[in-house]
Amino acid sequence: MDDQLQRYIDVVKENSLTMNEPDYAGREQDLLRQKEDLEKLEHNLKMKTRSSESFDKLVDAAVGYANKDISQTQLDEIYKQNTK
């Protein structure tokens, strides 16, 4: 799996956990940092995809994988189909 895609999945998982945790000191800062990380990673992934539609498919697949809705094999196939 591509390192940037893996990092994106890790941040998606981290963000989901943070959003579902009870309030704590520094939570807003964590969410802001995660949002910034996601935006940077999305920009880098967007540069690797064939089109906006391909990017959307890849992001959907990454989120699906992070939520355990699809397998790594499925994610890898979607990645191959939608990147340059």
N, C-alpha and C. Protein backbone atom coordinates (compact mmCIF):
# COMPACT_ATOMS: atom_id res chain seq x y z
N MET A 1 0.85 -1.19 0.00
CA MET A 1 0.00 0.00 0.00
C MET A 1 0.88 1.24 0.00
N ASP A 2 0.46 2.23 -0.74
CA ASP A 2 1.16 3.51 -0.82
C ASP A 2 1.27 4.13 0.57
N ASP A 3 2.44 4.70 0.89
CA ASP A 3 2.68 5.29 2.21
C ASP A 3 1.73 6.45 2.50
N GLN A 4 1.47 7.30 1.50
CA GLN A 4 0.56 8.43 1.72
C GLN A 4 -0.86 7.95 1.96
N LEU A 5 -1.26 6.92 1.25
CA LEU A 5 -2.59 6.36 1.46
C LEU A 5 -2.70 5.75 2.85
N GLN A 6 -1.66 5.06 3.29
CA GLN A 6 -1.66 4.47 4.63
C GLN A 6 -1.74 5.56 5.69
N ARG A 7 -1.00 6.63 5.51
CA ARG A 7 -1.03 7.75 6.47
C ARG A 7 -2.43 8.38 6.49
N TYR A 8 -3.03 8.52 5.32
CA TYR A 8 -4.39 9.07 5.24
C TYR A 8 -5.36 8.20 6.03
N ILE A 9 -5.27 6.90 5.85
CA ILE A 9 -6.14 5.97 6.57
C ILE A 9 -5.91 6.09 8.07
N ASP A 10 -4.65 6.19 8.48
CA ASP A 10 -4.34 6.33 9.91
C ASP A 10 -4.95 7.60 10.50
N VAL A 11 -4.88 8.70 9.76
CA VAL A 11 -5.44 9.96 10.26
C VAL A 11 -6.96 9.89 10.27
N VAL A 12 -7.57 9.24 9.28
CA VAL A 12 -9.03 9.06 9.28
C VAL A 12 -9.46 8.28 10.52
N LYS A 13 -8.74 7.21 10.83
CA LYS A 13 -9.06 6.42 12.02
C LYS A 13 -8.90 7.25 13.30
N GLU A 14 -7.79 7.97 13.37
CA GLU A 14 -7.51 8.82 14.54
C GLU A 14 -8.60 9.88 14.70
N ASN A 15 -9.00 10.49 13.59
CA ASN A 15 -10.02 11.51 13.62
C ASN A 15 -11.36 10.95 14.09
N SER A 16 -11.69 9.78 13.62
CA SER A 16 -12.95 9.14 14.03
C SER A 16 -12.95 8.87 15.53
N LEU A 17 -11.84 8.38 16.04
CA LEU A 17 -11.74 8.13 17.48
C LEU A 17 -11.87 9.42 18.27
N THR A 18 -11.18 10.46 17.82
CA THR A 18 -11.22 11.75 18.52
C THR A 18 -12.63 12.32 18.54
N MET A 19 -13.32 12.23 17.41
CA MET A 19 -14.67 12.79 17.33
C MET A 19 -15.65 12.02 18.22
N ASN A 20 -15.39 10.75 18.46
CA ASN A 20 -16.31 9.94 19.26
C ASN A 20 -15.94 9.87 20.73
N GLU A 21 -14.81 10.45 21.11
CA GLU A 21 -14.42 10.47 22.51
C GLU A 21 -15.17 11.57 23.25
N PRO A 22 -15.30 11.40 24.55
CA PRO A 22 -15.87 12.51 25.35
C PRO A 22 -14.92 13.72 25.28
N ASP A 23 -15.46 14.89 25.58
CA ASP A 23 -14.63 16.09 25.57
C ASP A 23 -13.45 15.94 26.51
N TYR A 24 -12.32 16.50 26.11
CA TYR A 24 -11.12 16.52 26.93
C TYR A 24 -10.31 17.76 26.57
N ALA A 25 -9.43 18.14 27.47
CA ALA A 25 -8.60 19.31 27.21
C ALA A 25 -7.72 19.04 25.99
N GLY A 26 -7.75 19.93 25.04
CA GLY A 26 -6.94 19.79 23.84
C GLY A 26 -7.63 19.09 22.69
N ARG A 27 -8.88 18.72 22.89
CA ARG A 27 -9.61 18.00 21.83
C ARG A 27 -9.76 18.85 20.57
N GLU A 28 -10.12 20.11 20.73
CA GLU A 28 -10.28 21.00 19.58
C GLU A 28 -8.97 21.15 18.81
N GLN A 29 -7.85 21.24 19.53
CA GLN A 29 -6.55 21.34 18.87
C GLN A 29 -6.24 20.05 18.12
N ASP A 30 -6.57 18.90 18.71
CA ASP A 30 -6.35 17.62 18.03
C ASP A 30 -7.18 17.54 16.75
N LEU A 31 -8.43 17.95 16.82
CA LEU A 31 -9.29 17.92 15.64
C LEU A 31 -8.78 18.86 14.55
N LEU A 32 -8.31 20.03 14.94
CA LEU A 32 -7.77 20.99 13.97
C LEU A 32 -6.51 20.42 13.32
N ARG A 33 -5.62 19.84 14.10
CA ARG A 33 -4.40 19.24 13.55
C ARG A 33 -4.75 18.11 12.58
N GLN A 34 -5.71 17.28 12.96
CA GLN A 34 -6.13 16.17 12.11
C GLN A 34 -6.72 16.70 10.79
N LYS A 35 -7.51 17.75 10.89
CA LYS A 35 -8.11 18.34 9.68
C LYS A 35 -7.01 18.85 8.75
N GLU A 36 -6.01 19.51 9.31
CA GLU A 36 -4.90 20.02 8.51
C GLU A 36 -4.12 18.87 7.88
N ASP A 37 -3.88 17.80 8.66
CA ASP A 37 -3.19 16.62 8.13
C ASP A 37 -3.98 15.99 6.99
N LEU A 38 -5.29 15.86 7.17
CA LEU A 38 -6.13 15.27 6.13
C LEU A 38 -6.10 16.11 4.85
N GLU A 39 -6.15 17.41 5.00
CA GLU A 39 -6.13 18.29 3.82
C GLU A 39 -4.82 18.15 3.05
N LYS A 40 -3.70 18.08 3.76
CA LYS A 40 -2.40 17.92 3.10
C LYS A 40 -2.33 16.56 2.39
N LEU A 41 -2.76 15.53 3.08
CA LEU A 41 -2.72 14.20 2.49
C LEU A 41 -3.66 14.09 1.30
N GLU A 42 -4.83 14.70 1.42
CA GLU A 42 -5.77 14.68 0.30
C GLU A 42 -5.18 15.39 -0.92
N HIS A 43 -4.51 16.48 -0.69
CA HIS A 43 -3.88 17.20 -1.80
C HIS A 43 -2.86 16.30 -2.49
N ASN A 44 -2.03 15.62 -1.73
CA ASN A 44 -1.02 14.74 -2.30
C ASN A 44 -1.66 13.57 -3.04
N LEU A 45 -2.71 13.01 -2.47
CA LEU A 45 -3.39 11.90 -3.14
C LEU A 45 -4.08 12.37 -4.42
N LYS A 46 -4.63 13.58 -4.37
CA LYS A 46 -5.32 14.12 -5.54
C LYS A 46 -4.35 14.23 -6.72
N MET A 47 -3.09 14.54 -6.44
CA MET A 47 -2.09 14.67 -7.49
C MET A 47 -1.78 13.32 -8.15
N LYS A 48 -2.06 12.24 -7.46
CA LYS A 48 -1.77 10.91 -7.98
C LYS A 48 -2.94 10.30 -8.75
N THR A 49 -4.12 10.87 -8.61
CA THR A 49 -5.29 10.26 -9.24
C THR A 49 -5.49 10.78 -10.65
N ARG A 50 -6.30 10.03 -11.38
CA ARG A 50 -6.54 10.33 -12.79
C ARG A 50 -7.50 11.50 -13.00
N SER A 51 -8.43 11.68 -12.05
CA SER A 51 -9.45 12.72 -12.19
C SER A 51 -10.07 13.00 -10.83
N SER A 52 -10.94 14.00 -10.79
CA SER A 52 -11.66 14.30 -9.54
C SER A 52 -12.52 13.12 -9.13
N GLU A 53 -13.13 12.48 -10.11
CA GLU A 53 -13.96 11.31 -9.83
C GLU A 53 -13.11 10.17 -9.26
N SER A 54 -11.92 9.97 -9.80
CA SER A 54 -11.01 8.95 -9.29
C SER A 54 -10.58 9.25 -7.86
N PHE A 55 -10.32 10.53 -7.61
CA PHE A 55 -9.95 10.95 -6.25
C PHE A 55 -11.08 10.63 -5.27
N ASP A 56 -12.32 10.97 -5.65
CA ASP A 56 -13.47 10.70 -4.79
C ASP A 56 -13.61 9.20 -4.51
N LYS A 57 -13.41 8.38 -5.52
CA LYS A 57 -13.49 6.93 -5.33
C LYS A 57 -12.41 6.44 -4.37
N LEU A 58 -11.21 6.99 -4.53
CA LEU A 58 -10.11 6.59 -3.66
C LEU A 58 -10.35 6.99 -2.21
N VAL A 59 -10.82 8.21 -2.01
CA VAL A 59 -11.11 8.68 -0.65
C VAL A 59 -12.23 7.84 -0.02
N ASP A 60 -13.28 7.57 -0.79
CA ASP A 60 -14.37 6.72 -0.29
C ASP A 60 -13.86 5.34 0.10
N ALA A 61 -12.98 4.79 -0.72
CA ALA A 61 -12.42 3.47 -0.43
C ALA A 61 -11.54 3.51 0.81
N ALA A 62 -10.76 4.56 0.96
CA ALA A 62 -9.88 4.68 2.13
C ALA A 62 -10.71 4.78 3.41
N VAL A 63 -11.77 5.56 3.37
CA VAL A 63 -12.65 5.68 4.54
C VAL A 63 -13.35 4.34 4.79
N GLY A 64 -13.77 3.67 3.74
CA GLY A 64 -14.38 2.35 3.88
C GLY A 64 -13.43 1.35 4.50
N TYR A 65 -12.18 1.41 4.09
CA TYR A 65 -11.17 0.52 4.67
C TYR A 65 -10.94 0.87 6.14
N ALA A 66 -10.85 2.16 6.45
CA ALA A 66 -10.64 2.59 7.84
C ALA A 66 -11.79 2.13 8.73
N ASN A 67 -12.99 2.08 8.17
CA ASN A 67 -14.18 1.64 8.93
C ASN A 67 -14.41 0.14 8.84
N LYS A 68 -13.48 -0.56 8.18
CA LYS A 68 -13.55 -2.02 8.01
C LYS A 68 -14.75 -2.46 7.16
N ASP A 69 -15.16 -1.60 6.24
CA ASP A 69 -16.25 -1.93 5.32
C ASP A 69 -15.74 -2.63 4.07
N ILE A 70 -14.46 -2.41 3.73
CA ILE A 70 -13.86 -3.11 2.59
C ILE A 70 -12.51 -3.68 3.01
N SER A 71 -12.02 -4.64 2.26
CA SER A 71 -10.75 -5.29 2.58
C SER A 71 -9.58 -4.51 1.99
N GLN A 72 -8.38 -4.84 2.44
CA GLN A 72 -7.19 -4.20 1.88
C GLN A 72 -7.04 -4.57 0.41
N THR A 73 -7.40 -5.77 0.05
CA THR A 73 -7.34 -6.19 -1.35
C THR A 73 -8.24 -5.31 -2.21
N GLN A 74 -9.46 -5.03 -1.73
CA GLN A 74 -10.37 -4.15 -2.46
C GLN A 74 -9.80 -2.74 -2.56
N LEU A 75 -9.25 -2.26 -1.46
CA LEU A 75 -8.65 -0.92 -1.45
C LEU A 75 -7.49 -0.85 -2.43
N ASP A 76 -6.63 -1.86 -2.42
CA ASP A 76 -5.49 -1.88 -3.34
C ASP A 76 -5.95 -1.86 -4.79
N GLU A 77 -7.00 -2.58 -5.10
CA GLU A 77 -7.53 -2.62 -6.47
C GLU A 77 -8.09 -1.25 -6.87
N ILE A 78 -8.81 -0.62 -5.97
CA ILE A 78 -9.36 0.71 -6.25
C ILE A 78 -8.22 1.71 -6.42
N TYR A 79 -7.19 1.58 -5.62
CA TYR A 79 -6.02 2.45 -5.74
C TYR A 79 -5.39 2.30 -7.12
N LYS A 80 -5.17 1.07 -7.53
CA LYS A 80 -4.54 0.80 -8.85
C LYS A 80 -5.40 1.35 -9.98
N GLN A 81 -6.71 1.20 -9.88
CA GLN A 81 -7.60 1.63 -10.95
C GLN A 81 -7.71 3.15 -11.07
N ASN A 82 -7.44 3.85 -9.99
CA ASN A 82 -7.71 5.29 -9.99
C ASN A 82 -6.48 6.19 -9.90
N THR A 83 -5.31 5.59 -9.89
CA THR A 83 -4.08 6.41 -9.86
C THR A 83 -3.37 6.33 -11.19
N LYS A 84 -2.52 7.30 -11.41
CA LYS A 84 -1.77 7.42 -12.67
C LYS A 84 -0.72 6.36 -12.78
